[in-house]
Amino acid sequence: MSAESSRQLVWRKSSYSGNEGGECLEVAATSESLYIRDSKNVHRPHLSVNADG
């Protein structure tokens, strides 16, 4: 996914991330993939996983 199209993703904070300001993850999903990024450094590359397994 290009940087341009990744800006169109709707990111949400993982329910496993606490509110203490420590390690937090954000996730976004499309019909084809799940995307994961570090919420403290959103401009760095993110991890993507295909939805089909």
PDB file of N, CA and C in Angstrom:
ATOM      1  N   MET A   1       0.845  -1.172   0.000  1.00  0.00           N
ATOM      2  CA  MET A   1       0.000   0.000   0.000  1.00  0.00           C
ATOM      3  C   MET A   1       0.884   1.226   0.000  1.00  0.00           C
ATOM      4  N   SER A   2       0.549   2.186  -0.810  1.00  0.00           N
ATOM      5  CA  SER A   2       1.349   3.408  -0.909  1.00  0.00           C
ATOM      6  C   SER A   2       1.082   4.323   0.276  1.00  0.00           C
ATOM      7  N   ALA A   3       1.983   5.254   0.500  1.00  0.00           N
ATOM      8  CA  ALA A   3       1.814   6.219   1.590  1.00  0.00           C
ATOM      9  C   ALA A   3       0.547   7.037   1.376  1.00  0.00           C
ATOM     10  N   GLU A   4       0.257   7.354   0.135  1.00  0.00           N
ATOM     11  CA  GLU A   4      -0.944   8.119  -0.188  1.00  0.00           C
ATOM     12  C   GLU A   4      -2.196   7.371   0.253  1.00  0.00           C
ATOM     13  N   SER A   5      -2.313   6.114  -0.111  1.00  0.00           N
ATOM     14  CA  SER A   5      -3.519   5.359   0.234  1.00  0.00           C
ATOM     15  C   SER A   5      -3.551   4.969   1.708  1.00  0.00           C
ATOM     16  N   SER A   6      -2.392   4.861   2.366  1.00  0.00           N
ATOM     17  CA  SER A   6      -2.394   4.512   3.790  1.00  0.00           C
ATOM     18  C   SER A   6      -2.958   5.651   4.627  1.00  0.00           C
ATOM     19  N   ARG A   7      -2.914   6.883   4.131  1.00  0.00           N
ATOM     20  CA  ARG A   7      -3.508   8.009   4.847  1.00  0.00           C
ATOM     21  C   ARG A   7      -5.020   7.927   4.867  1.00  0.00           C
ATOM     22  N   GLN A   8      -5.601   7.148   3.981  1.00  0.00           N
ATOM     23  CA  GLN A   8      -7.046   7.006   3.914  1.00  0.00           C
ATOM     24  C   GLN A   8      -7.563   5.940   4.878  1.00  0.00           C
ATOM     25  N   LEU A   9      -6.672   5.204   5.515  1.00  0.00           N
ATOM     26  CA  LEU A   9      -7.086   4.187   6.477  1.00  0.00           C
ATOM     27  C   LEU A   9      -7.663   4.843   7.728  1.00  0.00           C
ATOM     28  N   VAL A  10      -8.617   4.184   8.341  1.00  0.00           N
ATOM     29  CA  VAL A  10      -9.177   4.658   9.604  1.00  0.00           C
ATOM     30  C   VAL A  10      -8.494   3.873  10.717  1.00  0.00           C
ATOM     31  N   TRP A  11      -7.614   4.549  11.457  1.00  0.00           N
ATOM     32  CA  TRP A  11      -6.839   3.916  12.516  1.00  0.00           C
ATOM     33  C   TRP A  11      -7.584   4.018  13.834  1.00  0.00           C
ATOM     34  N   ARG A  12      -7.492   2.964  14.648  1.00  0.00           N
ATOM     35  CA  ARG A  12      -8.036   3.009  15.995  1.00  0.00           C
ATOM     36  C   ARG A  12      -7.047   2.338  16.943  1.00  0.00           C
ATOM     37  N   LYS A  13      -7.045   2.814  18.173  1.00  0.00           N
ATOM     38  CA  LYS A  13      -6.116   2.295  19.166  1.00  0.00           C
ATOM     39  C   LYS A  13      -6.561   0.904  19.601  1.00  0.00           C
ATOM     40  N   SER A  14      -5.613   0.014  19.702  1.00  0.00           N
ATOM     41  CA  SER A  14      -5.900  -1.349  20.130  1.00  0.00           C
ATOM     42  C   SER A  14      -6.454  -1.361  21.553  1.00  0.00           C
ATOM     43  N   SER A  15      -7.436  -2.202  21.808  1.00  0.00           N
ATOM     44  CA  SER A  15      -7.992  -2.317  23.151  1.00  0.00           C
ATOM     45  C   SER A  15      -6.979  -2.909  24.136  1.00  0.00           C
ATOM     46  N   TYR A  16      -5.916  -3.495  23.631  1.00  0.00           N
ATOM     47  CA  TYR A  16      -4.862  -4.045  24.489  1.00  0.00           C
ATOM     48  C   TYR A  16      -3.855  -2.986  24.913  1.00  0.00           C
ATOM     49  N   SER A  17      -3.923  -1.799  24.346  1.00  0.00           N
ATOM     50  CA  SER A  17      -3.015  -0.721  24.715  1.00  0.00           C
ATOM     51  C   SER A  17      -3.585   0.011  25.920  1.00  0.00           C
ATOM     52  N   GLY A  18      -2.756   0.245  26.893  1.00  0.00           N
ATOM     53  CA  GLY A  18      -3.205   0.923  28.104  1.00  0.00           C
ATOM     54  C   GLY A  18      -3.168   2.432  27.948  1.00  0.00           C
ATOM     55  N   ASN A  19      -3.603   3.142  28.974  1.00  0.00           N
ATOM     56  CA  ASN A  19      -3.623   4.602  28.969  1.00  0.00           C
ATOM     57  C   ASN A  19      -2.422   5.196  29.700  1.00  0.00           C
ATOM     58  N   GLU A  20      -1.448   4.375  30.061  1.00  0.00           N
ATOM     59  CA  GLU A  20      -0.300   4.853  30.819  1.00  0.00           C
ATOM     60  C   GLU A  20       0.753   5.528  29.945  1.00  0.00           C
ATOM     61  N   GLY A  21       0.566   5.568  28.633  1.00  0.00           N
ATOM     62  CA  GLY A  21       1.529   6.195  27.747  1.00  0.00           C
ATOM     63  C   GLY A  21       2.672   5.280  27.350  1.00  0.00           C
ATOM     64  N   GLY A  22       2.554   4.023  27.632  1.00  0.00           N
ATOM     65  CA  GLY A  22       3.600   3.073  27.285  1.00  0.00           C
ATOM     66  C   GLY A  22       3.501   2.638  25.838  1.00  0.00           C
ATOM     67  N   GLU A  23       3.580   1.369  25.610  1.00  0.00           N
ATOM     68  CA  GLU A  23       3.561   0.836  24.255  1.00  0.00           C
ATOM     69  C   GLU A  23       2.124   0.723  23.769  1.00  0.00           C
ATOM     70  N   CYS A  24       1.824   1.425  22.685  1.00  0.00           N
ATOM     71  CA  CYS A  24       0.465   1.457  22.147  1.00  0.00           C
ATOM     72  C   CYS A  24       0.474   1.071  20.674  1.00  0.00           C
ATOM     73  N   LEU A  25      -0.525   0.327  20.302  1.00  0.00           N
ATOM     74  CA  LEU A  25      -0.702  -0.065  18.912  1.00  0.00           C
ATOM     75  C   LEU A  25      -1.977   0.536  18.374  1.00  0.00           C
ATOM     76  N   GLU A  26      -1.961   0.838  17.079  1.00  0.00           N
ATOM     77  CA  GLU A  26      -3.167   1.234  16.377  1.00  0.00           C
ATOM     78  C   GLU A  26      -3.374   0.248  15.252  1.00  0.00           C
ATOM     79  N   VAL A  27      -4.622  -0.027  14.948  1.00  0.00           N
ATOM     80  CA  VAL A  27      -4.949  -0.962  13.881  1.00  0.00           C
ATOM     81  C   VAL A  27      -5.925  -0.315  12.916  1.00  0.00           C
ATOM     82  N   ALA A  28      -5.854  -0.742  11.662  1.00  0.00           N
ATOM     83  CA  ALA A  28      -6.799  -0.337  10.627  1.00  0.00           C
ATOM     84  C   ALA A  28      -7.049  -1.571   9.769  1.00  0.00           C
ATOM     85  N   ALA A  29      -8.256  -1.686   9.241  1.00  0.00           N
ATOM     86  CA  ALA A  29      -8.595  -2.867   8.452  1.00  0.00           C
ATOM     87  C   ALA A  29      -9.275  -2.471   7.147  1.00  0.00           C
ATOM     88  N   THR A  30      -8.996  -3.248   6.129  1.00  0.00           N
ATOM     89  CA  THR A  30      -9.711  -3.179   4.862  1.00  0.00           C
ATOM     90  C   THR A  30     -10.235  -4.585   4.596  1.00  0.00           C
ATOM     91  N   SER A  31     -10.930  -4.764   3.511  1.00  0.00           N
ATOM     92  CA  SER A  31     -11.429  -6.101   3.202  1.00  0.00           C
ATOM     93  C   SER A  31     -10.292  -7.052   2.852  1.00  0.00           C
ATOM     94  N   GLU A  32      -9.126  -6.513   2.472  1.00  0.00           N
ATOM     95  CA  GLU A  32      -8.001  -7.349   2.075  1.00  0.00           C
ATOM     96  C   GLU A  32      -6.920  -7.504   3.133  1.00  0.00           C
ATOM     97  N   SER A  33      -6.773  -6.526   4.038  1.00  0.00           N
ATOM     98  CA  SER A  33      -5.626  -6.538   4.953  1.00  0.00           C
ATOM     99  C   SER A  33      -5.938  -5.920   6.303  1.00  0.00           C
ATOM    100  N   LEU A  34      -5.087  -6.260   7.271  1.00  0.00           N
ATOM    101  CA  LEU A  34      -5.085  -5.642   8.584  1.00  0.00           C
ATOM    102  C   LEU A  34      -3.757  -4.907   8.709  1.00  0.00           C
ATOM    103  N   TYR A  35      -3.794  -3.663   9.185  1.00  0.00           N
ATOM    104  CA  TYR A  35      -2.597  -2.834   9.305  1.00  0.00           C
ATOM    105  C   TYR A  35      -2.364  -2.514  10.771  1.00  0.00           C
ATOM    106  N   ILE A  36      -1.099  -2.530  11.173  1.00  0.00           N
ATOM    107  CA  ILE A  36      -0.716  -2.307  12.562  1.00  0.00           C
ATOM    108  C   ILE A  36       0.421  -1.296  12.579  1.00  0.00           C
ATOM    109  N   ARG A  37       0.336  -0.304  13.491  1.00  0.00           N
ATOM    110  CA  ARG A  37       1.416   0.681  13.598  1.00  0.00           C
ATOM    111  C   ARG A  37       1.606   1.090  15.048  1.00  0.00           C
ATOM    112  N   ASP A  38       2.743   1.698  15.317  1.00  0.00           N
ATOM    113  CA  ASP A  38       3.078   2.230  16.637  1.00  0.00           C
ATOM    114  C   ASP A  38       2.396   3.587  16.769  1.00  0.00           C
ATOM    115  N   SER A  39       1.526   3.738  17.737  1.00  0.00           N
ATOM    116  CA  SER A  39       0.780   4.988  17.869  1.00  0.00           C
ATOM    117  C   SER A  39       1.661   6.162  18.289  1.00  0.00           C
ATOM    118  N   LYS A  40       2.829   5.896  18.818  1.00  0.00           N
ATOM    119  CA  LYS A  40       3.737   6.972  19.215  1.00  0.00           C
ATOM    120  C   LYS A  40       4.572   7.475  18.044  1.00  0.00           C
ATOM    121  N   ASN A  41       4.578   6.738  16.947  1.00  0.00           N
ATOM    122  CA  ASN A  41       5.398   7.120  15.800  1.00  0.00           C
ATOM    123  C   ASN A  41       4.656   6.737  14.518  1.00  0.00           C
ATOM    124  N   VAL A  42       3.564   7.432  14.249  1.00  0.00           N
ATOM    125  CA  VAL A  42       2.653   7.057  13.169  1.00  0.00           C
ATOM    126  C   VAL A  42       3.227   7.273  11.768  1.00  0.00           C
ATOM    127  N   HIS A  43       4.301   8.033  11.639  1.00  0.00           N
ATOM    128  CA  HIS A  43       4.868   8.298  10.319  1.00  0.00           C
ATOM    129  C   HIS A  43       5.871   7.238   9.871  1.00  0.00           C
ATOM    130  N   ARG A  44       6.230   6.349  10.765  1.00  0.00           N
ATOM    131  CA  ARG A  44       7.120   5.246  10.388  1.00  0.00           C
ATOM    132  C   ARG A  44       6.327   4.195   9.634  1.00  0.00           C
ATOM    133  N   PRO A  45       6.985   3.294   8.951  1.00  0.00           N
ATOM    134  CA  PRO A  45       6.269   2.222   8.233  1.00  0.00           C
ATOM    135  C   PRO A  45       5.421   1.390   9.183  1.00  0.00           C
ATOM    136  N   HIS A  46       4.378   0.798   8.640  1.00  0.00           N
ATOM    137  CA  HIS A  46       3.506  -0.049   9.435  1.00  0.00           C
ATOM    138  C   HIS A  46       3.559  -1.484   8.902  1.00  0.00           C
ATOM    139  N   LEU A  47       3.050  -2.379   9.702  1.00  0.00           N
ATOM    140  CA  LEU A  47       2.994  -3.793   9.350  1.00  0.00           C
ATOM    141  C   LEU A  47       1.631  -4.078   8.740  1.00  0.00           C
ATOM    142  N   SER A  48       1.605  -4.868   7.682  1.00  0.00           N
ATOM    143  CA  SER A  48       0.314  -5.265   7.100  1.00  0.00           C
ATOM    144  C   SER A  48       0.267  -6.787   6.964  1.00  0.00           C
ATOM    145  N   VAL A  49      -0.932  -7.326   7.183  1.00  0.00           N
ATOM    146  CA  VAL A  49      -1.161  -8.761   7.121  1.00  0.00           C
ATOM    147  C   VAL A  49      -2.359  -8.999   6.216  1.00  0.00           C
ATOM    148  N   ASN A  50      -2.221  -9.938   5.271  1.00  0.00           N
ATOM    149  CA  ASN A  50      -3.341 -10.247   4.382  1.00  0.00           C
ATOM    150  C   ASN A  50      -4.477 -10.886   5.160  1.00  0.00           C
ATOM    151  N   ALA A  51      -5.694 -10.518   4.817  1.00  0.00           N
ATOM    152  CA  ALA A  51      -6.866 -11.030   5.520  1.00  0.00           C
ATOM    153  C   ALA A  51      -7.156 -12.497   5.206  1.00  0.00           C
ATOM    154  N   ASP A  52      -6.623 -13.015   4.108  1.00  0.00           N
ATOM    155  CA  ASP A  52      -6.924 -14.396   3.728  1.00  0.00           C
ATOM    156  C   ASP A  52      -6.051 -15.435   4.424  1.00  0.00           C
ATOM    157  N   GLY A  53      -5.252 -14.994   5.359  1.00  0.00           N
ATOM    158  CA  GLY A  53      -4.491 -15.964   6.154  1.00  0.00           C
ATOM    159  C   GLY A  53      -3.090 -15.998   5.822  1.00  0.00           C
TER     160      GLY A  53
END
